[in-house]
PDB file of N, CA and C in Angstrom:
ATOM      1  N   MET A   1      33.657  -6.882 -25.420  1.00  0.00           N
ATOM      2  CA  MET A   1      33.911  -7.968 -26.345  1.00  0.00           C
ATOM      3  C   MET A   1      35.368  -8.392 -26.219  1.00  0.00           C
ATOM      4  N   LYS A   2      35.609  -9.681 -26.389  1.00  0.00           N
ATOM      5  CA  LYS A   2      36.962 -10.234 -26.332  1.00  0.00           C
ATOM      6  C   LYS A   2      37.343 -10.713 -27.727  1.00  0.00           C
ATOM      7  N   PHE A   3      38.637 -10.694 -28.011  1.00  0.00           N
ATOM      8  CA  PHE A   3      39.137 -11.066 -29.328  1.00  0.00           C
ATOM      9  C   PHE A   3      40.072 -12.257 -29.195  1.00  0.00           C
ATOM     10  N   PHE A   4      40.006 -13.152 -30.195  1.00  0.00           N
ATOM     11  CA  PHE A   4      40.745 -14.408 -30.117  1.00  0.00           C
ATOM     12  C   PHE A   4      41.404 -14.751 -31.444  1.00  0.00           C
ATOM     13  N   LEU A   5      42.593 -15.290 -31.344  1.00  0.00           N
ATOM     14  CA  LEU A   5      43.226 -15.978 -32.450  1.00  0.00           C
ATOM     15  C   LEU A   5      42.988 -17.457 -32.171  1.00  0.00           C
ATOM     16  N   ILE A   6      42.292 -18.119 -33.079  1.00  0.00           N
ATOM     17  CA  ILE A   6      42.016 -19.544 -32.927  1.00  0.00           C
ATOM     18  C   ILE A   6      42.923 -20.278 -33.901  1.00  0.00           C
ATOM     19  N   GLU A   7      43.755 -21.163 -33.369  1.00  0.00           N
ATOM     20  CA  GLU A   7      44.674 -21.928 -34.205  1.00  0.00           C
ATOM     21  C   GLU A   7      44.223 -23.376 -34.235  1.00  0.00           C
ATOM     22  N   LEU A   8      44.011 -23.880 -35.440  1.00  0.00           N
ATOM     23  CA  LEU A   8      43.641 -25.272 -35.627  1.00  0.00           C
ATOM     24  C   LEU A   8      44.876 -26.069 -35.996  1.00  0.00           C
ATOM     25  N   GLU A   9      44.984 -27.260 -35.430  1.00  0.00           N
ATOM     26  CA  GLU A   9      46.037 -28.210 -35.781  1.00  0.00           C
ATOM     27  C   GLU A   9      45.338 -29.438 -36.351  1.00  0.00           C
ATOM     28  N   TYR A  10      45.619 -29.763 -37.609  1.00  0.00           N
ATOM     29  CA  TYR A  10      44.986 -30.911 -38.231  1.00  0.00           C
ATOM     30  C   TYR A  10      45.567 -32.209 -37.689  1.00  0.00           C
ATOM     31  N   LEU A  11      44.696 -33.180 -37.467  1.00  0.00           N
ATOM     32  CA  LEU A  11      45.084 -34.448 -36.860  1.00  0.00           C
ATOM     33  C   LEU A  11      44.994 -35.621 -37.825  1.00  0.00           C
ATOM     34  N   VAL A  12      44.509 -35.365 -39.039  1.00  0.00           N
ATOM     35  CA  VAL A  12      44.323 -36.435 -40.024  1.00  0.00           C
ATOM     36  C   VAL A  12      44.997 -36.024 -41.331  1.00  0.00           C
ATOM     37  N   PRO A  13      45.261 -36.997 -42.209  1.00  0.00           N
ATOM     38  CA  PRO A  13      45.842 -36.654 -43.511  1.00  0.00           C
ATOM     39  C   PRO A  13      44.926 -35.712 -44.297  1.00  0.00           C
ATOM     40  N   LEU A  14      45.523 -34.878 -45.140  1.00  0.00           N
ATOM     41  CA  LEU A  14      44.758 -33.894 -45.899  1.00  0.00           C
ATOM     42  C   LEU A  14      43.694 -34.533 -46.787  1.00  0.00           C
ATOM     43  N   GLU A  15      43.963 -35.728 -47.297  1.00  0.00           N
ATOM     44  CA  GLU A  15      42.978 -36.402 -48.136  1.00  0.00           C
ATOM     45  C   GLU A  15      41.682 -36.646 -47.356  1.00  0.00           C
ATOM     46  N   LYS A  16      41.805 -37.008 -46.105  1.00  0.00           N
ATOM     47  CA  LYS A  16      40.636 -37.236 -45.245  1.00  0.00           C
ATOM     48  C   LYS A  16      40.009 -35.896 -44.848  1.00  0.00           C
ATOM     49  N   LEU A  17      40.846 -34.951 -44.468  1.00  0.00           N
ATOM     50  CA  LEU A  17      40.375 -33.635 -44.062  1.00  0.00           C
ATOM     51  C   LEU A  17      39.577 -32.966 -45.187  1.00  0.00           C
ATOM     52  N   ASP A  18      40.076 -33.075 -46.410  1.00  0.00           N
ATOM     53  CA  ASP A  18      39.442 -32.414 -47.548  1.00  0.00           C
ATOM     54  C   ASP A  18      37.996 -32.856 -47.756  1.00  0.00           C
ATOM     55  N   GLN A  19      37.656 -34.058 -47.332  1.00  0.00           N
ATOM     56  CA  GLN A  19      36.277 -34.530 -47.461  1.00  0.00           C
ATOM     57  C   GLN A  19      35.328 -33.711 -46.584  1.00  0.00           C
ATOM     58  N   ALA A  20      35.839 -33.154 -45.490  1.00  0.00           N
ATOM     59  CA  ALA A  20      35.017 -32.374 -44.559  1.00  0.00           C
ATOM     60  C   ALA A  20      35.125 -30.867 -44.772  1.00  0.00           C
ATOM     61  N   VAL A  21      35.988 -30.423 -45.693  1.00  0.00           N
ATOM     62  CA  VAL A  21      36.189 -28.983 -45.898  1.00  0.00           C
ATOM     63  C   VAL A  21      34.895 -28.262 -46.287  1.00  0.00           C
ATOM     64  N   PRO A  22      34.073 -28.769 -47.208  1.00  0.00           N
ATOM     65  CA  PRO A  22      32.839 -28.027 -47.524  1.00  0.00           C
ATOM     66  C   PRO A  22      31.936 -27.813 -46.308  1.00  0.00           C
ATOM     67  N   ALA A  23      31.755 -28.830 -45.483  1.00  0.00           N
ATOM     68  CA  ALA A  23      30.927 -28.686 -44.277  1.00  0.00           C
ATOM     69  C   ALA A  23      31.582 -27.728 -43.289  1.00  0.00           C
ATOM     70  N   HIS A  24      32.904 -27.794 -43.164  1.00  0.00           N
ATOM     71  CA  HIS A  24      33.652 -26.890 -42.280  1.00  0.00           C
ATOM     72  C   HIS A  24      33.450 -25.437 -42.729  1.00  0.00           C
ATOM     73  N   ARG A  25      33.578 -25.180 -44.020  1.00  0.00           N
ATOM     74  CA  ARG A  25      33.429 -23.807 -44.522  1.00  0.00           C
ATOM     75  C   ARG A  25      31.987 -23.326 -44.392  1.00  0.00           C
ATOM     76  N   GLU A  26      31.035 -24.208 -44.547  1.00  0.00           N
ATOM     77  CA  GLU A  26      29.632 -23.839 -44.338  1.00  0.00           C
ATOM     78  C   GLU A  26      29.403 -23.439 -42.885  1.00  0.00           C
ATOM     79  N   PHE A  27      29.991 -24.195 -41.955  1.00  0.00           N
ATOM     80  CA  PHE A  27      29.915 -23.854 -40.534  1.00  0.00           C
ATOM     81  C   PHE A  27      30.553 -22.485 -40.280  1.00  0.00           C
ATOM     82  N   LEU A  28      31.757 -22.274 -40.824  1.00  0.00           N
ATOM     83  CA  LEU A  28      32.437 -20.990 -40.633  1.00  0.00           C
ATOM     84  C   LEU A  28      31.574 -19.838 -41.125  1.00  0.00           C
ATOM     85  N   GLN A  29      30.903 -20.030 -42.258  1.00  0.00           N
ATOM     86  CA  GLN A  29      30.091 -18.966 -42.827  1.00  0.00           C
ATOM     87  C   GLN A  29      28.988 -18.531 -41.870  1.00  0.00           C
ATOM     88  N   THR A  30      28.443 -19.470 -41.105  1.00  0.00           N
ATOM     89  CA  THR A  30      27.389 -19.091 -40.154  1.00  0.00           C
ATOM     90  C   THR A  30      27.923 -18.112 -39.119  1.00  0.00           C
ATOM     91  N   LEU A  31      29.210 -18.230 -38.765  1.00  0.00           N
ATOM     92  CA  LEU A  31      29.801 -17.318 -37.787  1.00  0.00           C
ATOM     93  C   LEU A  31      30.264 -16.018 -38.431  1.00  0.00           C
ATOM     94  N   TYR A  32      30.592 -16.045 -39.708  1.00  0.00           N
ATOM     95  CA  TYR A  32      30.809 -14.792 -40.441  1.00  0.00           C
ATOM     96  C   TYR A  32      29.509 -14.011 -40.526  1.00  0.00           C
ATOM     97  N   ASP A  33      28.421 -14.721 -40.807  1.00  0.00           N
ATOM     98  CA  ASP A  33      27.124 -14.069 -41.010  1.00  0.00           C
ATOM     99  C   ASP A  33      26.636 -13.311 -39.779  1.00  0.00           C
ATOM    100  N   VAL A  34      27.025 -13.757 -38.588  1.00  0.00           N
ATOM    101  CA  VAL A  34      26.602 -13.073 -37.360  1.00  0.00           C
ATOM    102  C   VAL A  34      27.693 -12.151 -36.804  1.00  0.00           C
ATOM    103  N   GLY A  35      28.797 -11.997 -37.553  1.00  0.00           N
ATOM    104  CA  GLY A  35      29.835 -11.050 -37.168  1.00  0.00           C
ATOM    105  C   GLY A  35      30.870 -11.568 -36.186  1.00  0.00           C
ATOM    106  N   THR A  36      30.896 -12.866 -35.931  1.00  0.00           N
ATOM    107  CA  THR A  36      31.855 -13.427 -34.976  1.00  0.00           C
ATOM    108  C   THR A  36      33.255 -13.526 -35.562  1.00  0.00           C
ATOM    109  N   PHE A  37      33.370 -13.850 -36.842  1.00  0.00           N
ATOM    110  CA  PHE A  37      34.670 -14.038 -37.489  1.00  0.00           C
ATOM    111  C   PHE A  37      35.023 -12.855 -38.369  1.00  0.00           C
ATOM    112  N   LEU A  38      36.322 -12.557 -38.418  1.00  0.00           N
ATOM    113  CA  LEU A  38      36.848 -11.536 -39.309  1.00  0.00           C
ATOM    114  C   LEU A  38      37.633 -12.170 -40.453  1.00  0.00           C
ATOM    115  N   LEU A  39      38.495 -13.128 -40.145  1.00  0.00           N
ATOM    116  CA  LEU A  39      39.359 -13.785 -41.124  1.00  0.00           C
ATOM    117  C   LEU A  39      39.520 -15.251 -40.754  1.00  0.00           C
ATOM    118  N   SER A  40      39.731 -16.085 -41.773  1.00  0.00           N
ATOM    119  CA  SER A  40      40.082 -17.483 -41.509  1.00  0.00           C
ATOM    120  C   SER A  40      40.763 -18.052 -42.738  1.00  0.00           C
ATOM    121  N   GLY A  41      41.542 -19.096 -42.526  1.00  0.00           N
ATOM    122  CA  GLY A  41      42.173 -19.780 -43.650  1.00  0.00           C
ATOM    123  C   GLY A  41      43.228 -20.754 -43.183  1.00  0.00           C
ATOM    124  N   PRO A  42      43.677 -21.596 -44.113  1.00  0.00           N
ATOM    125  CA  PRO A  42      44.702 -22.588 -43.777  1.00  0.00           C
ATOM    126  C   PRO A  42      46.071 -21.943 -43.595  1.00  0.00           C
ATOM    127  N   LYS A  43      46.894 -22.586 -42.780  1.00  0.00           N
ATOM    128  CA  LYS A  43      48.277 -22.144 -42.600  1.00  0.00           C
ATOM    129  C   LYS A  43      49.112 -22.667 -43.767  1.00  0.00           C
ATOM    130  N   GLU A  44      50.307 -22.129 -43.897  1.00  0.00           N
ATOM    131  CA  GLU A  44      51.275 -22.600 -44.873  1.00  0.00           C
ATOM    132  C   GLU A  44      52.528 -23.001 -44.129  1.00  0.00           C
ATOM    133  N   PRO A  45      52.940 -24.244 -44.122  1.00  0.00           N
ATOM    134  CA  PRO A  45      52.334 -25.364 -44.819  1.00  0.00           C
ATOM    135  C   PRO A  45      50.965 -25.717 -44.227  1.00  0.00           C
ATOM    136  N   ARG A  46      50.184 -26.444 -44.991  1.00  0.00           N
ATOM    137  CA  ARG A  46      48.789 -26.721 -44.633  1.00  0.00           C
ATOM    138  C   ARG A  46      48.691 -27.838 -43.585  1.00  0.00           C
ATOM    139  N   ASN A  47      49.074 -27.493 -42.367  1.00  0.00           N
ATOM    140  CA  ASN A  47      48.982 -28.443 -41.257  1.00  0.00           C
ATOM    141  C   ASN A  47      47.987 -27.960 -40.199  1.00  0.00           C
ATOM    142  N   GLY A  48      47.249 -26.917 -40.543  1.00  0.00           N
ATOM    143  CA  GLY A  48      46.270 -26.350 -39.626  1.00  0.00           C
ATOM    144  C   GLY A  48      45.690 -25.088 -40.223  1.00  0.00           C
ATOM    145  N   GLY A  49      44.972 -24.340 -39.405  1.00  0.00           N
ATOM    146  CA  GLY A  49      44.352 -23.120 -39.865  1.00  0.00           C
ATOM    147  C   GLY A  49      44.337 -22.065 -38.781  1.00  0.00           C
ATOM    148  N   MET A  50      43.941 -20.856 -39.171  1.00  0.00           N
ATOM    149  CA  MET A  50      43.868 -19.731 -38.240  1.00  0.00           C
ATOM    150  C   MET A  50      42.551 -19.003 -38.441  1.00  0.00           C
ATOM    151  N   ILE A  51      41.996 -18.494 -37.344  1.00  0.00           N
ATOM    152  CA  ILE A  51      40.768 -17.714 -37.378  1.00  0.00           C
ATOM    153  C   ILE A  51      40.944 -16.521 -36.445  1.00  0.00           C
ATOM    154  N   ILE A  52      40.516 -15.352 -36.876  1.00  0.00           N
ATOM    155  CA  ILE A  52      40.430 -14.184 -35.998  1.00  0.00           C
ATOM    156  C   ILE A  52      38.954 -13.999 -35.688  1.00  0.00           C
ATOM    157  N   ALA A  53      38.633 -14.013 -34.385  1.00  0.00           N
ATOM    158  CA  ALA A  53      37.239 -14.014 -33.953  1.00  0.00           C
ATOM    159  C   ALA A  53      37.037 -13.086 -32.767  1.00  0.00           C
ATOM    160  N   LYS A  54      35.754 -12.777 -32.530  1.00  0.00           N
ATOM    161  CA  LYS A  54      35.395 -12.047 -31.316  1.00  0.00           C
ATOM    162  C   LYS A  54      34.221 -12.760 -30.665  1.00  0.00           C
ATOM    163  N   SER A  55      34.153 -12.624 -29.349  1.00  0.00           N
ATOM    164  CA  SER A  55      33.105 -13.292 -28.582  1.00  0.00           C
ATOM    165  C   SER A  55      33.024 -12.641 -27.204  1.00  0.00           C
ATOM    166  N   VAL A  56      31.952 -12.903 -26.497  1.00  0.00           N
ATOM    167  CA  VAL A  56      31.824 -12.365 -25.142  1.00  0.00           C
ATOM    168  C   VAL A  56      32.758 -13.068 -24.172  1.00  0.00           C
ATOM    169  N   SER A  57      33.184 -14.303 -24.500  1.00  0.00           N
ATOM    170  CA  SER A  57      34.070 -15.024 -23.584  1.00  0.00           C
ATOM    171  C   SER A  57      34.763 -16.179 -24.304  1.00  0.00           C
ATOM    172  N   LEU A  58      35.827 -16.652 -23.716  1.00  0.00           N
ATOM    173  CA  LEU A  58      36.521 -17.840 -24.209  1.00  0.00           C
ATOM    174  C   LEU A  58      35.585 -19.041 -24.174  1.00  0.00           C
ATOM    175  N   GLU A  59      34.800 -19.148 -23.117  1.00  0.00           N
ATOM    176  CA  GLU A  59      33.874 -20.278 -22.984  1.00  0.00           C
ATOM    177  C   GLU A  59      32.875 -20.293 -24.139  1.00  0.00           C
ATOM    178  N   LYS A  60      32.356 -19.124 -24.490  1.00  0.00           N
ATOM    179  CA  LYS A  60      31.360 -19.042 -25.564  1.00  0.00           C
ATOM    180  C   LYS A  60      31.965 -19.419 -26.909  1.00  0.00           C
ATOM    181  N   ILE A  61      33.132 -18.881 -27.243  1.00  0.00           N
ATOM    182  CA  ILE A  61      33.728 -19.179 -28.543  1.00  0.00           C
ATOM    183  C   ILE A  61      34.159 -20.638 -28.616  1.00  0.00           C
ATOM    184  N   SER A  62      34.652 -21.185 -27.517  1.00  0.00           N
ATOM    185  CA  SER A  62      35.063 -22.599 -27.550  1.00  0.00           C
ATOM    186  C   SER A  62      33.850 -23.517 -27.665  1.00  0.00           C
ATOM    187  N   GLU A  63      32.723 -23.133 -27.077  1.00  0.00           N
ATOM    188  CA  GLU A  63      31.485 -23.907 -27.237  1.00  0.00           C
ATOM    189  C   GLU A  63      31.005 -23.852 -28.680  1.00  0.00           C
ATOM    190  N   LEU A  64      31.055 -22.676 -29.294  1.00  0.00           N
ATOM    191  CA  LEU A  64      30.670 -22.547 -30.700  1.00  0.00           C
ATOM    192  C   LEU A  64      31.536 -23.433 -31.588  1.00  0.00           C
ATOM    193  N   MET A  65      32.839 -23.450 -31.332  1.00  0.00           N
ATOM    194  CA  MET A  65      33.756 -24.210 -32.181  1.00  0.00           C
ATOM    195  C   MET A  65      33.588 -25.714 -32.035  1.00  0.00           C
ATOM    196  N   LYS A  66      32.964 -26.175 -30.977  1.00  0.00           N
ATOM    197  CA  LYS A  66      32.679 -27.606 -30.837  1.00  0.00           C
ATOM    198  C   LYS A  66      31.701 -28.088 -31.899  1.00  0.00           C
ATOM    199  N   GLU A  67      30.981 -27.141 -32.527  1.00  0.00           N
ATOM    200  CA  GLU A  67      30.035 -27.481 -33.592  1.00  0.00           C
ATOM    201  C   GLU A  67      30.704 -27.564 -34.967  1.00  0.00           C
ATOM    202  N   ASP A  68      31.958 -27.164 -35.055  1.00  0.00           N
ATOM    203  CA  ASP A  68      32.704 -27.266 -36.308  1.00  0.00           C
ATOM    204  C   ASP A  68      32.803 -28.739 -36.703  1.00  0.00           C
ATOM    205  N   PRO A  69      32.496 -29.078 -37.954  1.00  0.00           N
ATOM    206  CA  PRO A  69      32.643 -30.466 -38.380  1.00  0.00           C
ATOM    207  C   PRO A  69      34.040 -31.042 -38.121  1.00  0.00           C
ATOM    208  N   PHE A  70      35.085 -30.224 -38.246  1.00  0.00           N
ATOM    209  CA  PHE A  70      36.423 -30.723 -37.934  1.00  0.00           C
ATOM    210  C   PHE A  70      36.509 -31.180 -36.486  1.00  0.00           C
ATOM    211  N   ALA A  71      35.871 -30.457 -35.574  1.00  0.00           N
ATOM    212  CA  ALA A  71      35.875 -30.836 -34.158  1.00  0.00           C
ATOM    213  C   ALA A  71      35.022 -32.081 -33.944  1.00  0.00           C
ATOM    214  N   LYS A  72      33.833 -32.096 -34.511  1.00  0.00           N
ATOM    215  CA  LYS A  72      32.925 -33.233 -34.324  1.00  0.00           C
ATOM    216  C   LYS A  72      33.527 -34.532 -34.843  1.00  0.00           C
ATOM    217  N   LEU A  73      34.307 -34.447 -35.921  1.00  0.00           N
ATOM    218  CA  LEU A  73      34.925 -35.634 -36.515  1.00  0.00           C
ATOM    219  C   LEU A  73      36.270 -35.984 -35.872  1.00  0.00           C
ATOM    220  N   GLY A  74      36.772 -35.111 -34.993  1.00  0.00           N
ATOM    221  CA  GLY A  74      38.076 -35.343 -34.381  1.00  0.00           C
ATOM    222  C   GLY A  74      39.231 -35.084 -35.329  1.00  0.00           C
ATOM    223  N   TYR A  75      39.018 -34.192 -36.305  1.00  0.00           N
ATOM    224  CA  TYR A  75      40.030 -33.917 -37.321  1.00  0.00           C
ATOM    225  C   TYR A  75      40.982 -32.792 -36.935  1.00  0.00           C
ATOM    226  N   ALA A  76      40.677 -32.051 -35.873  1.00  0.00           N
ATOM    227  CA  ALA A  76      41.530 -30.913 -35.511  1.00  0.00           C
ATOM    228  C   ALA A  76      41.488 -30.651 -34.018  1.00  0.00           C
ATOM    229  N   ASN A  77      42.595 -30.123 -33.502  1.00  0.00           N
ATOM    230  CA  ASN A  77      42.673 -29.554 -32.157  1.00  0.00           C
ATOM    231  C   ASN A  77      42.590 -28.040 -32.303  1.00  0.00           C
ATOM    232  N   TYR A  78      42.120 -27.377 -31.260  1.00  0.00           N
ATOM    233  CA  TYR A  78      41.917 -25.932 -31.283  1.00  0.00           C
ATOM    234  C   TYR A  78      42.678 -25.292 -30.120  1.00  0.00           C
ATOM    235  N   LYS A  79      43.410 -24.231 -30.431  1.00  0.00           N
ATOM    236  CA  LYS A  79      44.123 -23.455 -29.414  1.00  0.00           C
ATOM    237  C   LYS A  79      43.582 -22.036 -29.487  1.00  0.00           C
ATOM    238  N   TYR A  80      43.231 -21.463 -28.337  1.00  0.00           N
ATOM    239  CA  TYR A  80      42.636 -20.125 -28.267  1.00  0.00           C
ATOM    240  C   TYR A  80      43.602 -19.177 -27.580  1.00  0.00           C
ATOM    241  N   THR A  81      43.890 -18.061 -28.229  1.00  0.00           N
ATOM    242  CA  THR A  81      44.736 -17.025 -27.646  1.00  0.00           C
ATOM    243  C   THR A  81      43.939 -15.733 -27.636  1.00  0.00           C
ATOM    244  N   GLU A  82      43.661 -15.238 -26.449  1.00  0.00           N
ATOM    245  CA  GLU A  82      42.951 -13.961 -26.340  1.00  0.00           C
ATOM    246  C   GLU A  82      43.959 -12.832 -26.524  1.00  0.00           C
ATOM    247  N   PHE A  83      43.532 -11.787 -27.229  1.00  0.00           N
ATOM    248  CA  PHE A  83      44.391 -10.617 -27.384  1.00  0.00           C
ATOM    249  C   PHE A  83      43.540  -9.353 -27.358  1.00  0.00           C
ATOM    250  N   HIS A  84      44.222  -8.224 -27.187  1.00  0.00           N
ATOM    251  CA  HIS A  84      43.554  -6.929 -27.078  1.00  0.00           C
ATOM    252  C   HIS A  84      43.997  -6.048 -28.241  1.00  0.00           C
ATOM    253  N   PRO A  85      43.143  -5.873 -29.254  1.00  0.00           N
ATOM    254  CA  PRO A  85      43.540  -5.044 -30.387  1.00  0.00           C
ATOM    255  C   PRO A  85      43.568  -3.562 -29.998  1.00  0.00           C
ATOM    256  N   VAL A  86      44.756  -2.993 -29.992  1.00  0.00           N
ATOM    257  CA  VAL A  86      44.881  -1.572 -29.650  1.00  0.00           C
ATOM    258  C   VAL A  86      45.001  -0.713 -30.904  1.00  0.00           C
ATOM    259  N   LYS A  87      45.316  -1.323 -32.032  1.00  0.00           N
ATOM    260  CA  LYS A  87      45.356  -0.624 -33.312  1.00  0.00           C
ATOM    261  C   LYS A  87      44.713  -1.524 -34.352  1.00  0.00           C
ATOM    262  N   HIS A  88      44.103  -0.872 -35.360  1.00  0.00           N
ATOM    263  CA  HIS A  88      43.482  -1.634 -36.438  1.00  0.00           C
ATOM    264  C   HIS A  88      43.284  -0.726 -37.636  1.00  0.00           C
ATOM    265  N   GLN A  89      43.077  -1.340 -38.783  1.00  0.00           N
ATOM    266  CA  GLN A  89      42.754  -0.584 -39.980  1.00  0.00           C
ATOM    267  C   GLN A  89      41.392   0.073 -39.800  1.00  0.00           C
ATOM    268  N   THR A  90      41.241   1.260 -40.336  1.00  0.00           N
ATOM    269  CA  THR A  90      39.971   1.971 -40.170  1.00  0.00           C
ATOM    270  C   THR A  90      38.802   1.219 -40.799  1.00  0.00           C
ATOM    271  N   PHE A  91      39.053   0.445 -41.855  1.00  0.00           N
ATOM    272  CA  PHE A  91      37.945  -0.242 -42.514  1.00  0.00           C
ATOM    273  C   PHE A  91      37.351  -1.384 -41.694  1.00  0.00           C
ATOM    274  N   ILE A  92      37.992  -1.797 -40.590  1.00  0.00           N
ATOM    275  CA  ILE A  92      37.385  -2.810 -39.710  1.00  0.00           C
ATOM    276  C   ILE A  92      36.943  -2.212 -38.373  1.00  0.00           C
ATOM    277  N   LYS A  93      36.895  -0.895 -38.302  1.00  0.00           N
ATOM    278  CA  LYS A  93      36.510  -0.216 -37.059  1.00  0.00           C
ATOM    279  C   LYS A  93      35.173  -0.730 -36.533  1.00  0.00           C
ATOM    280  N   ASP A  94      34.168  -0.850 -37.400  1.00  0.00           N
ATOM    281  CA  ASP A  94      32.849  -1.308 -36.957  1.00  0.00           C
ATOM    282  C   ASP A  94      32.909  -2.708 -36.371  1.00  0.00           C
ATOM    283  N   TRP A  95      33.728  -3.595 -36.967  1.00  0.00           N
ATOM    284  CA  TRP A  95      33.843  -4.960 -36.450  1.00  0.00           C
ATOM    285  C   TRP A  95      34.517  -4.962 -35.071  1.00  0.00           C
ATOM    286  N   VAL A  96      35.579  -4.179 -34.930  1.00  0.00           N
ATOM    287  CA  VAL A  96      36.319  -4.145 -33.664  1.00  0.00           C
ATOM    288  C   VAL A  96      35.504  -3.466 -32.579  1.00  0.00           C
ATOM    289  N   GLU A  97      34.851  -2.373 -32.898  1.00  0.00           N
ATOM    290  CA  GLU A  97      34.162  -1.588 -31.882  1.00  0.00           C
ATOM    291  C   GLU A  97      32.694  -1.950 -31.745  1.00  0.00           C
ATOM    292  N   GLY A  98      32.161  -2.725 -32.684  1.00  0.00           N
ATOM    293  CA  GLY A  98      30.722  -3.021 -32.712  1.00  0.00           C
ATOM    294  C   GLY A  98      30.237  -4.044 -31.753  1.00  0.00           C
TER     295      GLY A  98
END
């Protein structure tokens, strides 16, 4: 399994973005439900967001993220950084090793 930090950069004003937030969060939940995501949320200041995810490949996770309403509407750019977790809290052991 590969691990990724996904950084979103918002491309539209927050007033416009906020209209799509419920659909975006519903989409994110589908990936939480199958164990792909560990954490997600907006950055401070709120000019983008961050997600910690796992996937079999960069290609697979980037294909999944194309289904995000923010991507479909052109509201965000996505940057993927692969990393190798060598240490973690014991309470996420199953997520990291599973």
